[in-house]
């Protein structure tokens, strides 16, 4: 049985990672809930990728946060990542994706993931392979919500 006081991600991830990037911003109580948008997004759950596109201020993050809550209530593993302009570096992006997945409950330390090595010792391709492997080993569906994806400037 795991000790809840011990956070296994602390030894796997650099201390400079911003914890605020892997959880949604607290929503104000007086925000209008857009249930129809949340349900429409929920209907796309079988898709490999769902994209919300609207101008700034139209409530995309609110809809994603509401959808996250809905998925958590249904027992899905839901991981959140708020993207920033600094995340265009592939290694930093993969580190934050892995960190988000770990915070969402995926175990990067278990099994033969190759993470007995430091993340910085892995090539970008190998790092991505480890992430894909960890997701594939899950018994339940994993949903990764990437908010503010438009901040990425690189292909």
Foldseek 3Di string as FASTA:
>chain_A
DDDPVDQVVVVQADPPDDPCQWAADDDDPPDDQPVVLLVVVVVCVVPPDDDDDDDPPPCPSVSVNVNQVVCVVVPEQEIEGEDALVCLPLLSVLSRQVVRSVVSPQDLPDDPLVSVDHSVVDDSVSSVVSVVVSCVPDPHHYHYHYHPPVSHDHD
